[in-house]
Amino acid sequence: MSESFLHDLHSFWEEQGPAVIRRAARQSPSAFIRSMTILLRPTTRFPDEDEHSEFDDLQTVEEVVEATRQSLGEDVARTLVDLVEGKKGRRPPRLAKR
């Protein structure tokens, strides 16, 4: 990759990054989670295209939030809801502590 491309990518991220994340999370929650999982994997392991993720078959935001809660914990699920809703600090009833 050229230095110019990386500079342009960084500029775009500075301007649009948070909005792009929110839009991606709303439009395709399972693809968003899958992308985040791939990005956060240890760098010594390469993603296997045939590997099935627990998030692959999820269809609704609620299913993704519940799977996230079970897999990664309550705090991560709350953060995901904040990203999808574009709000900070609001806790929907389904994420209330039990």
N, C-alpha and C. Protein backbone atom coordinates (compact mmCIF):
# COMPACT_ATOMS: atom_id res chain seq x y z
N MET A 1 0.84 -1.18 0.00
CA MET A 1 0.00 0.00 0.00
C MET A 1 0.87 1.23 0.00
N SER A 2 0.44 2.20 -0.76
CA SER A 2 1.23 3.42 -0.85
C SER A 2 0.97 4.32 0.36
N GLU A 3 1.90 5.17 0.62
CA GLU A 3 1.76 6.12 1.72
C GLU A 3 0.59 7.07 1.46
N SER A 4 0.39 7.41 0.19
CA SER A 4 -0.72 8.29 -0.19
C SER A 4 -2.07 7.64 0.13
N PHE A 5 -2.20 6.35 -0.19
CA PHE A 5 -3.44 5.63 0.11
C PHE A 5 -3.69 5.62 1.61
N LEU A 6 -2.68 5.30 2.39
CA LEU A 6 -2.84 5.25 3.84
C LEU A 6 -3.21 6.62 4.40
N HIS A 7 -2.64 7.66 3.84
CA HIS A 7 -2.97 9.02 4.27
C HIS A 7 -4.43 9.33 3.97
N ASP A 8 -4.89 8.97 2.74
CA ASP A 8 -6.28 9.20 2.35
C ASP A 8 -7.23 8.39 3.24
N LEU A 9 -6.87 7.14 3.52
CA LEU A 9 -7.69 6.30 4.37
C LEU A 9 -7.79 6.89 5.77
N HIS A 10 -6.69 7.37 6.29
CA HIS A 10 -6.68 7.99 7.63
C HIS A 10 -7.57 9.25 7.63
N SER A 11 -7.46 10.06 6.59
CA SER A 11 -8.28 11.28 6.50
C SER A 11 -9.76 10.94 6.48
N PHE A 12 -10.11 9.93 5.68
CA PHE A 12 -11.51 9.49 5.62
C PHE A 12 -11.97 9.02 6.99
N TRP A 13 -11.14 8.22 7.66
CA TRP A 13 -11.50 7.70 8.98
C TRP A 13 -11.73 8.84 9.98
N GLU A 14 -10.88 9.83 9.94
CA GLU A 14 -11.03 10.97 10.85
C GLU A 14 -12.36 11.68 10.63
N GLU A 15 -12.80 11.78 9.37
CA GLU A 15 -14.04 12.48 9.06
C GLU A 15 -15.29 11.61 9.23
N GLN A 16 -15.22 10.35 8.80
CA GLN A 16 -16.41 9.52 8.69
C GLN A 16 -16.43 8.27 9.56
N GLY A 17 -15.34 7.92 10.20
CA GLY A 17 -15.22 6.65 10.90
C GLY A 17 -16.36 6.27 11.82
N PRO A 18 -16.69 7.10 12.82
CA PRO A 18 -17.77 6.73 13.75
C PRO A 18 -19.13 6.56 13.05
N ALA A 19 -19.42 7.41 12.07
CA ALA A 19 -20.69 7.30 11.35
C ALA A 19 -20.74 6.00 10.54
N VAL A 20 -19.62 5.63 9.95
CA VAL A 20 -19.56 4.40 9.16
C VAL A 20 -19.77 3.19 10.06
N ILE A 21 -19.17 3.20 11.24
CA ILE A 21 -19.33 2.09 12.19
C ILE A 21 -20.81 1.96 12.58
N ARG A 22 -21.44 3.06 12.94
CA ARG A 22 -22.85 3.01 13.33
C ARG A 22 -23.73 2.49 12.20
N ARG A 23 -23.49 2.99 10.98
CA ARG A 23 -24.30 2.57 9.83
C ARG A 23 -24.10 1.07 9.55
N ALA A 24 -22.86 0.60 9.59
CA ALA A 24 -22.58 -0.82 9.35
C ALA A 24 -23.25 -1.69 10.41
N ALA A 25 -23.19 -1.27 11.67
CA ALA A 25 -23.79 -2.04 12.75
C ALA A 25 -25.31 -2.11 12.62
N ARG A 26 -25.92 -1.02 12.15
CA ARG A 26 -27.38 -1.01 11.98
C ARG A 26 -27.81 -1.82 10.76
N GLN A 27 -27.11 -1.66 9.65
CA GLN A 27 -27.54 -2.28 8.39
C GLN A 27 -27.30 -3.78 8.35
N SER A 28 -26.22 -4.24 8.96
CA SER A 28 -25.93 -5.68 8.92
C SER A 28 -25.18 -6.08 10.20
N PRO A 29 -25.94 -6.25 11.28
CA PRO A 29 -25.31 -6.55 12.57
C PRO A 29 -24.41 -7.78 12.54
N SER A 30 -24.83 -8.84 11.87
CA SER A 30 -24.01 -10.05 11.88
C SER A 30 -22.71 -9.84 11.11
N ALA A 31 -22.77 -9.13 9.97
CA ALA A 31 -21.54 -8.84 9.22
C ALA A 31 -20.64 -7.91 10.02
N PHE A 32 -21.23 -6.97 10.74
CA PHE A 32 -20.45 -6.05 11.57
C PHE A 32 -19.70 -6.81 12.66
N ILE A 33 -20.41 -7.68 13.37
CA ILE A 33 -19.77 -8.46 14.44
C ILE A 33 -18.71 -9.37 13.86
N ARG A 34 -18.99 -10.01 12.73
CA ARG A 34 -18.02 -10.89 12.09
C ARG A 34 -16.75 -10.11 11.72
N SER A 35 -16.92 -8.91 11.18
CA SER A 35 -15.77 -8.06 10.83
C SER A 35 -14.97 -7.68 12.07
N MET A 36 -15.66 -7.32 13.13
CA MET A 36 -14.96 -6.95 14.37
C MET A 36 -14.21 -8.15 14.95
N THR A 37 -14.83 -9.32 14.86
CA THR A 37 -14.19 -10.53 15.36
C THR A 37 -12.91 -10.81 14.57
N ILE A 38 -12.97 -10.67 13.26
CA ILE A 38 -11.78 -10.90 12.44
C ILE A 38 -10.69 -9.88 12.77
N LEU A 39 -11.09 -8.61 12.92
CA LEU A 39 -10.11 -7.57 13.23
C LEU A 39 -9.44 -7.78 14.58
N LEU A 40 -10.18 -8.34 15.53
CA LEU A 40 -9.66 -8.47 16.89
C LEU A 40 -9.02 -9.82 17.17
N ARG A 41 -8.99 -10.71 16.19
CA ARG A 41 -8.33 -12.01 16.38
C ARG A 41 -6.83 -11.80 16.57
N PRO A 42 -6.19 -12.74 17.24
CA PRO A 42 -4.73 -12.66 17.34
C PRO A 42 -4.11 -12.67 15.94
N THR A 43 -3.08 -11.87 15.75
CA THR A 43 -2.49 -11.73 14.42
C THR A 43 -1.74 -12.98 13.96
N THR A 44 -1.47 -13.90 14.85
CA THR A 44 -0.76 -15.12 14.45
C THR A 44 -1.68 -16.15 13.81
N ARG A 45 -2.97 -15.89 13.81
CA ARG A 45 -3.94 -16.83 13.26
C ARG A 45 -4.64 -16.20 12.07
N PHE A 46 -4.72 -16.92 10.97
CA PHE A 46 -5.39 -16.42 9.78
C PHE A 46 -6.83 -16.91 9.77
N PRO A 47 -7.78 -16.01 9.43
CA PRO A 47 -9.17 -16.45 9.38
C PRO A 47 -9.37 -17.51 8.30
N ASP A 48 -10.12 -18.52 8.62
CA ASP A 48 -10.42 -19.59 7.69
C ASP A 48 -11.81 -19.32 7.11
N GLU A 49 -11.90 -19.20 5.79
CA GLU A 49 -13.18 -18.86 5.17
C GLU A 49 -14.26 -19.89 5.44
N ASP A 50 -13.87 -21.13 5.67
CA ASP A 50 -14.86 -22.19 5.93
C ASP A 50 -15.27 -22.25 7.40
N GLU A 51 -14.61 -21.48 8.24
CA GLU A 51 -14.89 -21.50 9.67
C GLU A 51 -16.25 -20.85 9.93
N HIS A 52 -17.07 -21.53 10.72
CA HIS A 52 -18.40 -21.02 11.04
C HIS A 52 -18.35 -20.25 12.35
N SER A 53 -18.93 -19.07 12.36
CA SER A 53 -19.01 -18.25 13.56
C SER A 53 -20.40 -18.37 14.17
N GLU A 54 -20.48 -18.25 15.47
CA GLU A 54 -21.78 -18.28 16.14
C GLU A 54 -22.65 -17.10 15.71
N PHE A 55 -22.05 -16.09 15.07
CA PHE A 55 -22.79 -14.91 14.64
C PHE A 55 -23.28 -15.01 13.19
N ASP A 56 -22.85 -16.00 12.45
CA ASP A 56 -23.16 -16.10 11.02
C ASP A 56 -24.65 -16.13 10.71
N ASP A 57 -25.43 -16.83 11.49
CA ASP A 57 -26.84 -17.04 11.17
C ASP A 57 -27.79 -16.06 11.86
N LEU A 58 -27.25 -15.12 12.60
CA LEU A 58 -28.10 -14.17 13.31
C LEU A 58 -28.70 -13.17 12.34
N GLN A 59 -29.98 -12.83 12.54
CA GLN A 59 -30.69 -11.98 11.59
C GLN A 59 -31.10 -10.63 12.15
N THR A 60 -31.27 -10.53 13.46
CA THR A 60 -31.77 -9.28 14.03
C THR A 60 -30.73 -8.69 14.98
N VAL A 61 -30.88 -7.41 15.21
CA VAL A 61 -30.00 -6.73 16.16
C VAL A 61 -30.12 -7.38 17.53
N GLU A 62 -31.34 -7.74 17.92
CA GLU A 62 -31.55 -8.35 19.24
C GLU A 62 -30.80 -9.67 19.36
N GLU A 63 -30.82 -10.48 18.28
CA GLU A 63 -30.07 -11.74 18.30
C GLU A 63 -28.57 -11.49 18.42
N VAL A 64 -28.08 -10.49 17.71
CA VAL A 64 -26.65 -10.18 17.77
C VAL A 64 -26.28 -9.68 19.16
N VAL A 65 -27.11 -8.83 19.74
CA VAL A 65 -26.83 -8.31 21.09
C VAL A 65 -26.81 -9.45 22.10
N GLU A 66 -27.78 -10.35 22.02
CA GLU A 66 -27.83 -11.48 22.97
C GLU A 66 -26.62 -12.40 22.79
N ALA A 67 -26.26 -12.70 21.54
CA ALA A 67 -25.09 -13.54 21.30
C ALA A 67 -23.82 -12.85 21.78
N THR A 68 -23.75 -11.53 21.60
CA THR A 68 -22.60 -10.77 22.08
C THR A 68 -22.53 -10.83 23.60
N ARG A 69 -23.67 -10.66 24.25
CA ARG A 69 -23.71 -10.73 25.72
C ARG A 69 -23.21 -12.08 26.21
N GLN A 70 -23.69 -13.16 25.58
CA GLN A 70 -23.30 -14.50 26.01
C GLN A 70 -21.84 -14.80 25.70
N SER A 71 -21.36 -14.29 24.58
CA SER A 71 -20.00 -14.61 24.15
C SER A 71 -18.95 -13.67 24.76
N LEU A 72 -19.27 -12.38 24.85
CA LEU A 72 -18.26 -11.39 25.23
C LEU A 72 -18.59 -10.62 26.50
N GLY A 73 -19.82 -10.77 27.01
CA GLY A 73 -20.15 -10.12 28.28
C GLY A 73 -21.08 -8.93 28.13
N GLU A 74 -21.62 -8.53 29.25
CA GLU A 74 -22.61 -7.45 29.33
C GLU A 74 -22.06 -6.11 28.86
N ASP A 75 -20.84 -5.77 29.26
CA ASP A 75 -20.28 -4.47 28.89
C ASP A 75 -20.12 -4.33 27.38
N VAL A 76 -19.67 -5.38 26.73
CA VAL A 76 -19.50 -5.34 25.27
C VAL A 76 -20.86 -5.25 24.59
N ALA A 77 -21.85 -5.97 25.12
CA ALA A 77 -23.21 -5.91 24.55
C ALA A 77 -23.77 -4.50 24.68
N ARG A 78 -23.57 -3.86 25.82
CA ARG A 78 -24.04 -2.48 26.01
C ARG A 78 -23.37 -1.53 25.03
N THR A 79 -22.07 -1.71 24.84
CA THR A 79 -21.33 -0.86 23.89
C THR A 79 -21.87 -1.05 22.48
N LEU A 80 -22.17 -2.27 22.11
CA LEU A 80 -22.74 -2.56 20.80
C LEU A 80 -24.08 -1.84 20.63
N VAL A 81 -24.94 -1.92 21.64
CA VAL A 81 -26.23 -1.24 21.58
C VAL A 81 -26.02 0.26 21.42
N ASP A 82 -25.09 0.83 22.15
CA ASP A 82 -24.80 2.26 22.02
C ASP A 82 -24.38 2.61 20.60
N LEU A 83 -23.54 1.77 20.00
CA LEU A 83 -23.11 2.02 18.63
C LEU A 83 -24.27 1.93 17.65
N VAL A 84 -25.09 0.92 17.80
CA VAL A 84 -26.20 0.71 16.88
C VAL A 84 -27.22 1.84 17.02
N GLU A 85 -27.50 2.24 18.23
CA GLU A 85 -28.50 3.28 18.46
C GLU A 85 -27.93 4.68 18.30
N GLY A 86 -26.61 4.79 18.24
CA GLY A 86 -25.99 6.10 18.11
C GLY A 86 -26.11 6.94 19.36
N LYS A 87 -26.30 6.26 20.50
CA LYS A 87 -26.46 6.97 21.77
C LYS A 87 -25.45 6.45 22.76
N LYS A 88 -25.07 7.30 23.65
CA LYS A 88 -24.12 6.94 24.70
C LYS A 88 -24.83 6.97 26.04
N GLY A 89 -24.63 5.96 26.82
CA GLY A 89 -25.13 5.97 28.20
C GLY A 89 -26.56 5.49 28.38
N ARG A 90 -27.30 5.28 27.32
CA ARG A 90 -28.68 4.80 27.45
C ARG A 90 -28.68 3.28 27.47
N ARG A 91 -29.36 2.70 28.44
CA ARG A 91 -29.42 1.25 28.56
C ARG A 91 -30.85 0.78 28.30
N PRO A 92 -31.09 0.13 27.14
CA PRO A 92 -32.44 -0.39 26.87
C PRO A 92 -32.83 -1.42 27.92
N PRO A 93 -34.13 -1.60 28.15
CA PRO A 93 -34.59 -2.55 29.17
C PRO A 93 -34.03 -3.95 29.00
N ARG A 94 -33.85 -4.41 27.76
CA ARG A 94 -33.35 -5.77 27.54
C ARG A 94 -31.91 -5.95 28.02
N LEU A 95 -31.21 -4.83 28.28
CA LEU A 95 -29.85 -4.93 28.77
C LEU A 95 -29.72 -4.54 30.24
N ALA A 96 -30.85 -4.32 30.88
CA ALA A 96 -30.81 -3.96 32.29
C ALA A 96 -30.18 -5.09 33.09
N LYS A 97 -29.41 -4.72 34.11
CA LYS A 97 -28.79 -5.73 34.97
C LYS A 97 -29.86 -6.54 35.65
N ARG A 98 -29.58 -7.83 35.74
CA ARG A 98 -30.57 -8.74 36.33
C ARG A 98 -30.19 -9.11 37.72
